[in-house]
């Protein structure tokens, strides 16, 4: 699998790619290494006063890593991800 730019991944637009870059994640490989839950935590830590909708960030990251729309992630996996972020 190639190391794609974030903007090339499903569910990742300019705003989300920018947020990931701000926390040091610049590519698919880096997002994969960190994982969806940790990437969400890193952004939440950088922006503590901002509400981060889980579907917009957490599920989008997971979908990007699975090459799926975030809404196609199983309910089981969504619950597991939510537990991971606390």
Protein backbone atom coordinates (compact mmCIF):
# COMPACT_ATOMS: atom_id res chain seq x y z
CA UNK A 1 0.00 0.00 0.00
CA UNK A 2 1.31 3.40 -0.89
CA UNK A 3 1.85 6.17 1.62
CA UNK A 4 -0.88 8.55 0.46
CA UNK A 5 -1.30 12.15 1.50
CA UNK A 6 -4.03 12.67 4.08
CA UNK A 7 -6.22 14.61 1.66
CA UNK A 8 -6.26 11.56 -0.64
CA UNK A 9 -7.90 9.36 2.02
CA UNK A 10 -11.63 8.79 2.34
CA UNK A 11 -13.35 11.09 4.85
CA UNK A 12 -10.37 13.46 5.07
CA UNK A 13 -10.97 16.97 3.78
CA UNK A 14 -8.83 20.07 4.04
CA UNK A 15 -9.91 20.95 7.58
CA UNK A 16 -9.29 17.49 9.03
CA UNK A 17 -6.00 17.14 7.14
CA UNK A 18 -4.95 20.51 8.54
CA UNK A 19 -5.82 19.47 12.08
CA UNK A 20 -3.87 16.24 11.70
CA UNK A 21 -0.88 18.17 10.35
CA UNK A 22 -1.02 20.49 13.35
CA UNK A 23 -0.44 17.51 15.64
CA UNK A 24 2.35 16.05 13.52
CA UNK A 25 0.45 13.57 11.34
CA UNK A 26 1.15 14.22 7.66
CA UNK A 27 0.53 10.95 5.82
CA UNK A 28 -1.47 7.74 5.71
CA UNK A 29 1.43 5.81 7.24
CA UNK A 30 1.68 8.23 10.15
CA UNK A 31 -2.08 8.08 10.76
CA UNK A 32 -1.93 4.29 10.61
CA UNK A 33 0.98 4.19 13.07
CA UNK A 34 -0.81 6.49 15.54
CA UNK A 35 -4.29 5.05 15.04
CA UNK A 36 -7.70 6.68 14.92
CA UNK A 37 -8.25 6.93 18.69
CA UNK A 38 -4.84 8.43 19.42
CA UNK A 39 -5.12 10.92 16.54
CA UNK A 40 -8.49 12.01 17.95
CA UNK A 41 -6.98 12.36 21.43
CA UNK A 42 -4.08 14.44 20.07
CA UNK A 43 -6.43 16.87 18.33
CA UNK A 44 -8.73 17.04 21.36
CA UNK A 45 -5.69 17.86 23.52
CA UNK A 46 -4.57 20.62 21.16
CA UNK A 47 -8.10 22.10 21.05
CA UNK A 48 -9.49 21.49 24.56
CA UNK A 49 -12.23 24.11 24.27
CA UNK A 50 -13.60 22.78 20.97
CA UNK A 51 -16.19 20.06 20.62
CA UNK A 52 -14.94 17.35 18.27
CA UNK A 53 -17.85 15.32 16.93
CA UNK A 54 -16.81 11.67 16.95
CA UNK A 55 -18.26 11.05 13.49
CA UNK A 56 -16.33 13.97 12.07
CA UNK A 57 -12.96 13.01 13.53
CA UNK A 58 -12.72 9.62 15.22
CA UNK A 59 -14.89 7.69 12.76
CA UNK A 60 -13.44 9.61 9.82
CA UNK A 61 -9.93 8.56 10.82
CA UNK A 62 -10.99 4.94 11.21
CA UNK A 63 -12.79 5.04 7.88
CA UNK A 64 -9.75 6.58 6.21
CA UNK A 65 -7.59 3.74 7.49
CA UNK A 66 -10.12 1.14 6.29
CA UNK A 67 -10.90 2.93 3.01
CA UNK A 68 -14.58 3.17 4.01
CA UNK A 69 -17.05 5.96 4.52
CA UNK A 70 -17.21 6.61 8.27
CA UNK A 71 -20.87 5.61 8.34
CA UNK A 72 -19.99 2.14 7.01
CA UNK A 73 -17.94 1.27 10.10
CA UNK A 74 -19.71 -1.35 12.20
CA UNK A 75 -21.52 -0.31 15.36
CA UNK A 76 -19.26 -2.69 17.31
CA UNK A 77 -16.14 -0.93 16.07
CA UNK A 78 -17.65 2.50 16.71
CA UNK A 79 -18.37 1.51 20.32
CA UNK A 80 -14.87 0.11 20.70
CA UNK A 81 -13.37 3.36 19.37
CA UNK A 82 -15.52 5.46 21.71
CA UNK A 83 -14.32 3.36 24.66
CA UNK A 84 -10.74 3.91 23.57
CA UNK A 85 -11.08 7.70 23.76
CA UNK A 86 -12.89 7.63 27.08
